Amino acid sequence: KTCATCGRPFAWRKKWAKVWDEVRYCSDRCRGQ
């Protein structure tokens, strides 16, 4: 997906398996910004 804040692409992670449809940001830093 592409991060909603920084615009960079990021890949699926195992910890996001159940909530992949809800993930919008690549990191905690982007979510905080």
Full PDB file with SEQRES, HELIX, SHEET, SSBOND, CRYST1, ORIGX, SCALE, CONECT and MASTER records, all heavy atoms in Angstrom:
SEQRES   1 A   33  LYS THR CYS ALA THR CYS GLY ARG PRO PHE ALA TRP ARG          
SEQRES   2 A   33  LYS LYS TRP ALA LYS VAL TRP ASP GLU VAL ARG TYR CYS          
SEQRES   3 A   33  SER ASP ARG CYS ARG GLY GLN                                  
HELIX    1 AA1 LYS A   14  TRP A   16  5                                   3    
HELIX    2 AA2 TRP A   20  GLU A   22  5                                   3    
HELIX    3 AA3 ASP A   28  GLY A   32  1                                   5    
CRYST1    1.000    1.000    1.000  90.00  90.00  90.00 P 1           1          
ORIGX1      1.000000  0.000000  0.000000        0.00000                         
ORIGX2      0.000000  1.000000  0.000000        0.00000                         
ORIGX3      0.000000  0.000000  1.000000        0.00000                         
SCALE1      1.000000  0.000000  0.000000        0.00000                         
SCALE2      0.000000  1.000000  0.000000        0.00000                         
SCALE3      0.000000  0.000000  1.000000        0.00000                         
ATOM      1  N   LYS A   1       0.860  -1.183   0.000  1.00  0.00           N  
ATOM      2  CA  LYS A   1       0.000   0.000   0.000  1.00  0.00           C  
ATOM      3  C   LYS A   1       0.892   1.227   0.000  1.00  0.00           C  
ATOM      4  O   LYS A   1       2.091   1.140   0.226  1.00  0.00           O  
ATOM      5  CB  LYS A   1      -0.864   0.040   1.263  1.00  0.00           C  
ATOM      6  CG  LYS A   1      -1.925  -1.010   1.337  1.00  0.00           C  
ATOM      7  CD  LYS A   1      -2.769  -0.787   2.566  1.00  0.00           C  
ATOM      8  CE  LYS A   1      -3.888  -1.795   2.645  1.00  0.00           C  
ATOM      9  NZ  LYS A   1      -4.767  -1.529   3.784  1.00  0.00           N  
ATOM     10  N   THR A   2       0.272   2.379  -0.181  1.00  0.00           N  
ATOM     11  CA  THR A   2       0.980   3.644  -0.098  1.00  0.00           C  
ATOM     12  C   THR A   2       0.565   4.339   1.196  1.00  0.00           C  
ATOM     13  O   THR A   2      -0.619   4.413   1.517  1.00  0.00           O  
ATOM     14  CB  THR A   2       0.623   4.541  -1.302  1.00  0.00           C  
ATOM     15  OG1 THR A   2       0.934   3.829  -2.493  1.00  0.00           O  
ATOM     16  CG2 THR A   2       1.405   5.831  -1.273  1.00  0.00           C  
ATOM     17  N   CYS A   3       1.534   4.847   1.935  1.00  0.00           N  
ATOM     18  CA  CYS A   3       1.281   5.520   3.207  1.00  0.00           C  
ATOM     19  C   CYS A   3       0.481   6.794   2.978  1.00  0.00           C  
ATOM     20  O   CYS A   3       0.774   7.569   2.063  1.00  0.00           O  
ATOM     21  CB  CYS A   3       2.603   5.848   3.890  1.00  0.00           C  
ATOM     22  SG  CYS A   3       2.421   6.709   5.458  1.00  0.00           S  
ATOM     23  N   ALA A   4      -0.540   7.016   3.815  1.00  0.00           N  
ATOM     24  CA  ALA A   4      -1.404   8.188   3.689  1.00  0.00           C  
ATOM     25  C   ALA A   4      -0.693   9.483   4.066  1.00  0.00           C  
ATOM     26  O   ALA A   4      -1.115  10.560   3.667  1.00  0.00           O  
ATOM     27  CB  ALA A   4      -2.643   8.007   4.558  1.00  0.00           C  
ATOM     28  N   THR A   5       0.400   9.403   4.825  1.00  0.00           N  
ATOM     29  CA  THR A   5       1.106  10.604   5.270  1.00  0.00           C  
ATOM     30  C   THR A   5       2.304  10.935   4.379  1.00  0.00           C  
ATOM     31  O   THR A   5       2.380  12.015   3.816  1.00  0.00           O  
ATOM     32  CB  THR A   5       1.601  10.437   6.718  1.00  0.00           C  
ATOM     33  OG1 THR A   5       0.482  10.167   7.546  1.00  0.00           O  
ATOM     34  CG2 THR A   5       2.294  11.683   7.216  1.00  0.00           C  
ATOM     35  N   CYS A   6       3.217   9.979   4.237  1.00  0.00           N  
ATOM     36  CA  CYS A   6       4.457  10.264   3.511  1.00  0.00           C  
ATOM     37  C   CYS A   6       4.410   9.875   2.031  1.00  0.00           C  
ATOM     38  O   CYS A   6       5.249  10.310   1.254  1.00  0.00           O  
ATOM     39  CB  CYS A   6       5.635   9.585   4.191  1.00  0.00           C  
ATOM     40  SG  CYS A   6       5.618   7.779   4.111  1.00  0.00           S  
ATOM     41  N   GLY A   7       3.450   9.044   1.639  1.00  0.00           N  
ATOM     42  CA  GLY A   7       3.312   8.663   0.238  1.00  0.00           C  
ATOM     43  C   GLY A   7       4.235   7.553  -0.211  1.00  0.00           C  
ATOM     44  O   GLY A   7       4.250   7.200  -1.386  1.00  0.00           O  
ATOM     45  N   ARG A   8       5.006   6.988   0.697  1.00  0.00           N  
ATOM     46  CA  ARG A   8       5.916   5.895   0.341  1.00  0.00           C  
ATOM     47  C   ARG A   8       5.187   4.558   0.360  1.00  0.00           C  
ATOM     48  O   ARG A   8       4.289   4.356   1.163  1.00  0.00           O  
ATOM     49  CB  ARG A   8       7.071   5.826   1.330  1.00  0.00           C  
ATOM     50  CG  ARG A   8       7.972   7.010   1.273  1.00  0.00           C  
ATOM     51  CD  ARG A   8       9.072   6.859   2.289  1.00  0.00           C  
ATOM     52  NE  ARG A   8       9.961   8.001   2.246  1.00  0.00           N  
ATOM     53  CZ  ARG A   8      10.855   8.269   3.167  1.00  0.00           C  
ATOM     54  NH1 ARG A   8      10.982   7.509   4.232  1.00  0.00           N  
ATOM     55  NH2 ARG A   8      11.632   9.314   3.053  1.00  0.00           N  
ATOM     56  N   PRO A   9       5.593   3.641  -0.510  1.00  0.00           N  
ATOM     57  CA  PRO A   9       4.976   2.315  -0.484  1.00  0.00           C  
ATOM     58  C   PRO A   9       5.513   1.500   0.693  1.00  0.00           C  
ATOM     59  O   PRO A   9       6.672   1.654   1.091  1.00  0.00           O  
ATOM     60  CB  PRO A   9       5.407   1.696  -1.813  1.00  0.00           C  
ATOM     61  CG  PRO A   9       6.645   2.418  -2.192  1.00  0.00           C  
ATOM     62  CD  PRO A   9       6.538   3.798  -1.608  1.00  0.00           C  
ATOM     63  N   PHE A  10       4.650   0.661   1.264  1.00  0.00           N  
ATOM     64  CA  PHE A  10       5.086  -0.251   2.317  1.00  0.00           C  
ATOM     65  C   PHE A  10       4.424  -1.598   2.105  1.00  0.00           C  
ATOM     66  O   PHE A  10       3.335  -1.685   1.551  1.00  0.00           O  
ATOM     67  CB  PHE A  10       4.794   0.308   3.715  1.00  0.00           C  
ATOM     68  CG  PHE A  10       3.338   0.540   4.026  1.00  0.00           C  
ATOM     69  CD1 PHE A  10       2.612  -0.414   4.719  1.00  0.00           C  
ATOM     70  CD2 PHE A  10       2.707   1.704   3.646  1.00  0.00           C  
ATOM     71  CE1 PHE A  10       1.278  -0.201   5.017  1.00  0.00           C  
ATOM     72  CE2 PHE A  10       1.381   1.924   3.945  1.00  0.00           C  
ATOM     73  CZ  PHE A  10       0.656   0.967   4.626  1.00  0.00           C  
ATOM     74  N   ALA A  11       5.112  -2.655   2.537  1.00  0.00           N  
ATOM     75  CA  ALA A  11       4.662  -4.026   2.290  1.00  0.00           C  
ATOM     76  C   ALA A  11       3.919  -4.600   3.487  1.00  0.00           C  
ATOM     77  O   ALA A  11       4.059  -4.131   4.619  1.00  0.00           O  
ATOM     78  CB  ALA A  11       5.866  -4.902   1.957  1.00  0.00           C  
ATOM     79  N   TRP A  12       3.131  -5.613   3.210  1.00  0.00           N  
ATOM     80  CA  TRP A  12       2.375  -6.363   4.215  1.00  0.00           C  
ATOM     81  C   TRP A  12       3.317  -6.936   5.264  1.00  0.00           C  
ATOM     82  O   TRP A  12       4.428  -7.338   4.957  1.00  0.00           O  
ATOM     83  CB  TRP A  12       1.650  -7.493   3.501  1.00  0.00           C  
ATOM     84  CG  TRP A  12       0.815  -8.374   4.344  1.00  0.00           C  
ATOM     85  CD1 TRP A  12      -0.483  -8.213   4.644  1.00  0.00           C  
ATOM     86  CD2 TRP A  12       1.209  -9.599   4.977  1.00  0.00           C  
ATOM     87  NE1 TRP A  12      -0.939  -9.238   5.416  1.00  0.00           N  
ATOM     88  CE2 TRP A  12       0.095 -10.115   5.644  1.00  0.00           C  
ATOM     89  CE3 TRP A  12       2.404 -10.312   5.042  1.00  0.00           C  
ATOM     90  CZ2 TRP A  12       0.119 -11.291   6.367  1.00  0.00           C  
ATOM     91  CZ3 TRP A  12       2.437 -11.480   5.762  1.00  0.00           C  
ATOM     92  CH2 TRP A  12       1.310 -11.948   6.407  1.00  0.00           C  
ATOM     93  N   ARG A  13       2.875  -6.933   6.514  1.00  0.00           N  
ATOM     94  CA  ARG A  13       3.627  -7.553   7.613  1.00  0.00           C  
ATOM     95  C   ARG A  13       2.735  -8.562   8.306  1.00  0.00           C  
ATOM     96  O   ARG A  13       1.518  -8.390   8.355  1.00  0.00           O  
ATOM     97  CB  ARG A  13       4.056  -6.506   8.639  1.00  0.00           C  
ATOM     98  CG  ARG A  13       5.030  -5.507   8.091  1.00  0.00           C  
ATOM     99  CD  ARG A  13       5.442  -4.562   9.192  1.00  0.00           C  
ATOM    100  NE  ARG A  13       6.250  -3.477   8.663  1.00  0.00           N  
ATOM    101  CZ  ARG A  13       6.656  -2.460   9.374  1.00  0.00           C  
ATOM    102  NH1 ARG A  13       6.315  -2.355  10.646  1.00  0.00           N  
ATOM    103  NH2 ARG A  13       7.385  -1.524   8.843  1.00  0.00           N  
ATOM    104  N   LYS A  14       3.332  -9.575   8.863  1.00  0.00           N  
ATOM    105  CA  LYS A  14       2.562 -10.635   9.511  1.00  0.00           C  
ATOM    106  C   LYS A  14       1.692 -10.086  10.648  1.00  0.00           C  
ATOM    107  O   LYS A  14       0.560 -10.513  10.840  1.00  0.00           O  
ATOM    108  CB  LYS A  14       3.498 -11.718  10.044  1.00  0.00           C  
ATOM    109  CG  LYS A  14       2.764 -12.926  10.559  1.00  0.00           C  
ATOM    110  CD  LYS A  14       3.709 -14.038  10.933  1.00  0.00           C  
ATOM    111  CE  LYS A  14       2.936 -15.243  11.405  1.00  0.00           C  
ATOM    112  NZ  LYS A  14       3.830 -16.351  11.737  1.00  0.00           N  
ATOM    113  N   LYS A  15       2.196  -9.100  11.392  1.00  0.00           N  
ATOM    114  CA  LYS A  15       1.422  -8.551  12.506  1.00  0.00           C  
ATOM    115  C   LYS A  15       0.188  -7.789  12.029  1.00  0.00           C  
ATOM    116  O   LYS A  15      -0.723  -7.533  12.800  1.00  0.00           O  
ATOM    117  CB  LYS A  15       2.286  -7.669  13.403  1.00  0.00           C  
ATOM    118  CG  LYS A  15       2.718  -6.357  12.790  1.00  0.00           C  
ATOM    119  CD  LYS A  15       3.538  -5.568  13.786  1.00  0.00           C  
ATOM    120  CE  LYS A  15       3.918  -4.214  13.253  1.00  0.00           C  
ATOM    121  NZ  LYS A  15       4.662  -3.460  14.250  1.00  0.00           N  
ATOM    122  N   TRP A  16       0.128  -7.431  10.739  1.00  0.00           N  
ATOM    123  CA  TRP A  16      -1.022  -6.755  10.175  1.00  0.00           C  
ATOM    124  C   TRP A  16      -1.982  -7.713   9.472  1.00  0.00           C  
ATOM    125  O   TRP A  16      -2.936  -7.271   8.830  1.00  0.00           O  
ATOM    126  CB  TRP A  16      -0.580  -5.705   9.163  1.00  0.00           C  
ATOM    127  CG  TRP A  16       0.153  -4.537   9.737  1.00  0.00           C  
ATOM    128  CD1 TRP A  16       0.047  -4.027  10.996  1.00  0.00           C  
ATOM    129  CD2 TRP A  16       1.091  -3.705   9.056  1.00  0.00           C  
ATOM    130  NE1 TRP A  16       0.853  -2.934  11.142  1.00  0.00           N  
ATOM    131  CE2 TRP A  16       1.513  -2.715   9.965  1.00  0.00           C  
ATOM    132  CE3 TRP A  16       1.622  -3.698   7.774  1.00  0.00           C  
ATOM    133  CZ2 TRP A  16       2.421  -1.727   9.615  1.00  0.00           C  
ATOM    134  CZ3 TRP A  16       2.532  -2.720   7.431  1.00  0.00           C  
ATOM    135  CH2 TRP A  16       2.926  -1.746   8.347  1.00  0.00           C  
ATOM    136  N   ALA A  17      -1.779  -8.998   9.596  1.00  0.00           N  
ATOM    137  CA  ALA A  17      -2.563  -9.986   8.844  1.00  0.00           C  
ATOM    138  C   ALA A  17      -4.066  -9.834   9.062  1.00  0.00           C  
ATOM    139  O   ALA A  17      -4.838  -9.885   8.110  1.00  0.00           O  
ATOM    140  CB  ALA A  17      -2.112 -11.391   9.205  1.00  0.00           C  
ATOM    141  N   LYS A  18      -4.494  -9.623  10.287  1.00  0.00           N  
ATOM    142  CA  LYS A  18      -5.926  -9.557  10.593  1.00  0.00           C  
ATOM    143  C   LYS A  18      -6.540  -8.198  10.307  1.00  0.00           C  
ATOM    144  O   LYS A  18      -7.749  -8.082  10.166  1.00  0.00           O  
ATOM    145  CB  LYS A  18      -6.168  -9.922  12.053  1.00  0.00           C  
ATOM    146  CG  LYS A  18      -5.821 -11.361  12.352  1.00  0.00           C  
ATOM    147  CD  LYS A  18      -6.073 -11.699  13.800  1.00  0.00           C  
ATOM    148  CE  LYS A  18      -5.659 -13.127  14.097  1.00  0.00           C  
ATOM    149  NZ  LYS A  18      -5.823 -13.445  15.515  1.00  0.00           N  
ATOM    150  N   VAL A  19      -5.717  -7.149  10.240  1.00  0.00           N  
ATOM    151  CA  VAL A  19      -6.243  -5.791  10.073  1.00  0.00           C  
ATOM    152  C   VAL A  19      -5.687  -5.087   8.824  1.00  0.00           C  
ATOM    153  O   VAL A  19      -5.691  -3.859   8.753  1.00  0.00           O  
ATOM    154  CB  VAL A  19      -5.955  -4.931  11.329  1.00  0.00           C  
ATOM    155  CG1 VAL A  19      -6.720  -5.430  12.529  1.00  0.00           C  
ATOM    156  CG2 VAL A  19      -4.468  -4.876  11.622  1.00  0.00           C  
ATOM    157  N   TRP A  20      -5.247  -5.831   7.838  1.00  0.00           N  
ATOM    158  CA  TRP A  20      -4.600  -5.253   6.663  1.00  0.00           C  
ATOM    159  C   TRP A  20      -5.490  -4.217   5.968  1.00  0.00           C  
ATOM    160  O   TRP A  20      -5.015  -3.197   5.472  1.00  0.00           O  
ATOM    161  CB  TRP A  20      -4.183  -6.349   5.691  1.00  0.00           C  
ATOM    162  CG  TRP A  20      -3.543  -5.835   4.444  1.00  0.00           C  
ATOM    163  CD1 TRP A  20      -4.009  -5.963   3.181  1.00  0.00           C  
ATOM    164  CD2 TRP A  20      -2.302  -5.100   4.332  1.00  0.00           C  
ATOM    165  NE1 TRP A  20      -3.151  -5.371   2.286  1.00  0.00           N  
ATOM    166  CE2 TRP A  20      -2.094  -4.831   2.967  1.00  0.00           C  
ATOM    167  CE3 TRP A  20      -1.364  -4.646   5.244  1.00  0.00           C  
ATOM    168  CZ2 TRP A  20      -0.989  -4.128   2.496  1.00  0.00           C  
ATOM    169  CZ3 TRP A  20      -0.256  -3.946   4.763  1.00  0.00           C  
ATOM    170  CH2 TRP A  20      -0.079  -3.695   3.412  1.00  0.00           C  
ATOM    171  N   ASP A  21      -6.792  -4.431   5.937  1.00  0.00           N  
ATOM    172  CA  ASP A  21      -7.701  -3.485   5.287  1.00  0.00           C  
ATOM    173  C   ASP A  21      -7.759  -2.148   6.019  1.00  0.00           C  
ATOM    174  O   ASP A  21      -8.087  -1.126   5.417  1.00  0.00           O  
ATOM    175  CB  ASP A  21      -9.107  -4.067   5.196  1.00  0.00           C  
ATOM    176  CG  ASP A  21      -9.162  -5.265   4.273  1.00  0.00           C  
ATOM    177  OD1 ASP A  21      -8.328  -5.339   3.350  1.00  0.00           O  
ATOM    178  OD2 ASP A  21     -10.035  -6.123   4.470  1.00  0.00           O  
ATOM    179  N   GLU A  22      -7.438  -2.129   7.303  1.00  0.00           N  
ATOM    180  CA  GLU A  22      -7.509  -0.911   8.109  1.00  0.00           C  
ATOM    181  C   GLU A  22      -6.181  -0.157   8.188  1.00  0.00           C  
ATOM    182  O   GLU A  22      -6.160   0.989   8.630  1.00  0.00           O  
ATOM    183  CB  GLU A  22      -7.963  -1.267   9.519  1.00  0.00           C  
ATOM    184  CG  GLU A  22      -9.327  -1.926   9.555  1.00  0.00           C  
ATOM    185  CD  GLU A  22      -9.643  -2.528  10.899  1.00  0.00           C  
ATOM    186  OE1 GLU A  22      -8.966  -2.183  11.889  1.00  0.00           O  
ATOM    187  OE2 GLU A  22     -10.566  -3.350  10.960  1.00  0.00           O  
ATOM    188  N   VAL A  23      -5.086  -0.788   7.790  1.00  0.00           N  
ATOM    189  CA  VAL A  23      -3.762  -0.163   7.886  1.00  0.00           C  
ATOM    190  C   VAL A  23      -3.654   0.956   6.854  1.00  0.00           C  
ATOM    191  O   VAL A  23      -3.920   0.756   5.673  1.00  0.00           O  
ATOM    192  CB  VAL A  23      -2.647  -1.219   7.652  1.00  0.00           C  
ATOM    193  CG1 VAL A  23      -1.278  -0.565   7.638  1.00  0.00           C  
ATOM    194  CG2 VAL A  23      -2.701  -2.290   8.710  1.00  0.00           C  
ATOM    195  N   ARG A  24      -3.270   2.166   7.324  1.00  0.00           N  
ATOM    196  CA  ARG A  24      -3.145   3.329   6.444  1.00  0.00           C  
ATOM    197  C   ARG A  24      -1.746   3.940   6.453  1.00  0.00           C  
ATOM    198  O   ARG A  24      -1.379   4.661   5.533  1.00  0.00           O  
ATOM    199  CB  ARG A  24      -4.139   4.405   6.859  1.00  0.00           C  
ATOM    200  CG  ARG A  24      -5.581   3.969   6.679  1.00  0.00           C  
ATOM    201  CD  ARG A  24      -6.548   5.058   7.041  1.00  0.00           C  
ATOM    202  NE  ARG A  24      -6.288   6.247   6.233  1.00  0.00           N  
ATOM    203  CZ  ARG A  24      -6.564   7.488   6.627  1.00  0.00           C  
ATOM    204  NH1 ARG A  24      -7.096   7.713   7.798  1.00  0.00           N  
ATOM    205  NH2 ARG A  24      -6.296   8.506   5.850  1.00  0.00           N  
ATOM    206  N   TYR A  25      -0.994   3.712   7.527  1.00  0.00           N  
ATOM    207  CA  TYR A  25       0.302   4.370   7.692  1.00  0.00           C  
ATOM    208  C   TYR A  25       1.427   3.336   7.754  1.00  0.00           C  
ATOM    209  O   TYR A  25       1.252   2.243   8.277  1.00  0.00           O  
ATOM    210  CB  TYR A  25       0.300   5.211   8.965  1.00  0.00           C  
ATOM    211  CG  TYR A  25      -0.859   6.166   9.028  1.00  0.00           C  
ATOM    212  CD1 TYR A  25      -1.940   5.947   9.863  1.00  0.00           C  
ATOM    213  CD2 TYR A  25      -0.877   7.300   8.223  1.00  0.00           C  
ATOM    214  CE1 TYR A  25      -3.011   6.821   9.907  1.00  0.00           C  
ATOM    215  CE2 TYR A  25      -1.943   8.183   8.249  1.00  0.00           C  
ATOM    216  CZ  TYR A  25      -3.003   7.935   9.090  1.00  0.00           C  
ATOM    217  OH  TYR A  25      -4.057   8.798   9.120  1.00  0.00           O  
ATOM    218  N   CYS A  26       2.607   3.722   7.292  1.00  0.00           N  
ATOM    219  CA  CYS A  26       3.742   2.801   7.241  1.00  0.00           C  
ATOM    220  C   CYS A  26       4.436   2.659   8.594  1.00  0.00           C  
ATOM    221  O   CYS A  26       5.129   1.670   8.824  1.00  0.00           O  
ATOM    222  CB  CYS A  26       4.742   3.254   6.187  1.00  0.00           C  
ATOM    223  SG  CYS A  26       5.506   4.860   6.499  1.00  0.00           S  
ATOM    224  N   SER A  27       4.245   3.631   9.491  1.00  0.00           N  
ATOM    225  CA  SER A  27       4.943   3.595  10.774  1.00  0.00           C  
ATOM    226  C   SER A  27       4.189   4.388  11.830  1.00  0.00           C  
ATOM    227  O   SER A  27       3.257   5.134  11.520  1.00  0.00           O  
ATOM    228  CB  SER A  27       6.348   4.194  10.618  1.00  0.00           C  
ATOM    229  OG  SER A  27       6.249   5.558  10.282  1.00  0.00           O  
ATOM    230  N   ASP A  28       4.624   4.247  13.071  1.00  0.00           N  
ATOM    231  CA  ASP A  28       4.052   5.025  14.169  1.00  0.00           C  
ATOM    232  C   ASP A  28       4.333   6.516  13.977  1.00  0.00           C  
ATOM    233  O   ASP A  28       3.527   7.365  14.334  1.00  0.00           O  
ATOM    234  CB  ASP A  28       4.613   4.569  15.512  1.00  0.00           C  
ATOM    235  CG  ASP A  28       4.098   3.202  15.922  1.00  0.00           C  
ATOM    236  OD1 ASP A  28       3.012   2.809  15.455  1.00  0.00           O  
ATOM    237  OD2 ASP A  28       4.787   2.539  16.710  1.00  0.00           O  
ATOM    238  N   ARG A  29       5.479   6.828  13.419  1.00  0.00           N  
ATOM    239  CA  ARG A  29       5.836   8.231  13.191  1.00  0.00           C  
ATOM    240  C   ARG A  29       4.853   8.889  12.218  1.00  0.00           C  
ATOM    241  O   ARG A  29       4.369  10.004  12.467  1.00  0.00           O  
ATOM    242  CB  ARG A  29       7.250   8.310  12.637  1.00  0.00           C  
ATOM    243  CG  ARG A  29       7.701   9.716  12.381  1.00  0.00           C  
ATOM    244  CD  ARG A  29       9.114   9.729  11.871  1.00  0.00           C  
ATOM    245  NE  ARG A  29       9.533  11.105  11.629  1.00  0.00           N  
ATOM    246  CZ  ARG A  29      10.649  11.439  11.037  1.00  0.00           C  
ATOM    247  NH1 ARG A  29      11.499  10.513  10.646  1.00  0.00           N  
ATOM    248  NH2 ARG A  29      10.968  12.689  10.834  1.00  0.00           N  
ATOM    249  N   CYS A  30       4.534   8.213  11.131  1.00  0.00           N  
ATOM    250  CA  CYS A  30       3.582   8.768  10.165  1.00  0.00           C  
ATOM    251  C   CYS A  30       2.185   8.866  10.771  1.00  0.00           C  
ATOM    252  O   CYS A  30       1.466   9.827  10.515  1.00  0.00           O  
ATOM    253  CB  CYS A  30       3.543   7.922   8.898  1.00  0.00           C  
ATOM    254  SG  CYS A  30       4.937   8.233   7.813  1.00  0.00           S  
ATOM    255  N   ARG A  31       1.792   7.906  11.566  1.00  0.00           N  
ATOM    256  CA  ARG A  31       0.487   7.961  12.210  1.00  0.00           C  
ATOM    257  C   ARG A  31       0.422   9.151  13.166  1.00  0.00           C  
ATOM    258  O   ARG A  31      -0.572   9.860  13.220  1.00  0.00           O  
ATOM    259  CB  ARG A  31       0.206   6.660  12.956  1.00  0.00           C  
ATOM    260  CG  ARG A  31      -1.198   6.608  13.529  1.00  0.00           C  
ATOM    261  CD  ARG A  31      -1.501   5.292  14.157  1.00  0.00           C  
ATOM    262  NE  ARG A  31      -0.509   4.984  15.169  1.00  0.00           N  
ATOM    263  CZ  ARG A  31      -0.183   3.759  15.539  1.00  0.00           C  
ATOM    264  NH1 ARG A  31      -0.750   2.728  14.984  1.00  0.00           N  
ATOM    265  NH2 ARG A  31       0.726   3.568  16.467  1.00  0.00           N  
ATOM    266  N   GLY A  32       1.503   9.408  13.896  1.00  0.00           N  
ATOM    267  CA  GLY A  32       1.552  10.541  14.817  1.00  0.00           C  
ATOM    268  C   GLY A  32       1.528  11.868  14.098  1.00  0.00           C  
ATOM    269  O   GLY A  32       0.894  12.821  14.546  1.00  0.00           O  
ATOM    270  N   GLN A  33       2.199  11.964  12.958  1.00  0.00           N  
ATOM    271  CA  GLN A  33       2.204  13.205  12.191  1.00  0.00           C  
ATOM    272  C   GLN A  33       0.834  13.489  11.597  1.00  0.00           C  
ATOM    273  O   GLN A  33       0.434  14.635  11.463  1.00  0.00           O  
ATOM    274  CB  GLN A  33       3.241  13.145  11.075  1.00  0.00           C  
ATOM    275  CG  GLN A  33       4.649  13.301  11.573  1.00  0.00           C  
ATOM    276  CD  GLN A  33       5.665  13.259  10.443  1.00  0.00           C  
ATOM    277  OE1 GLN A  33       5.364  12.831   9.338  1.00  0.00           O  
ATOM    278  NE2 GLN A  33       6.875  13.677  10.743  1.00  0.00           N  
TER     279      GLN A  33                                                      
MASTER        0    0    0    3    0    0    0    6  278    1    0    3          
END                                                                             
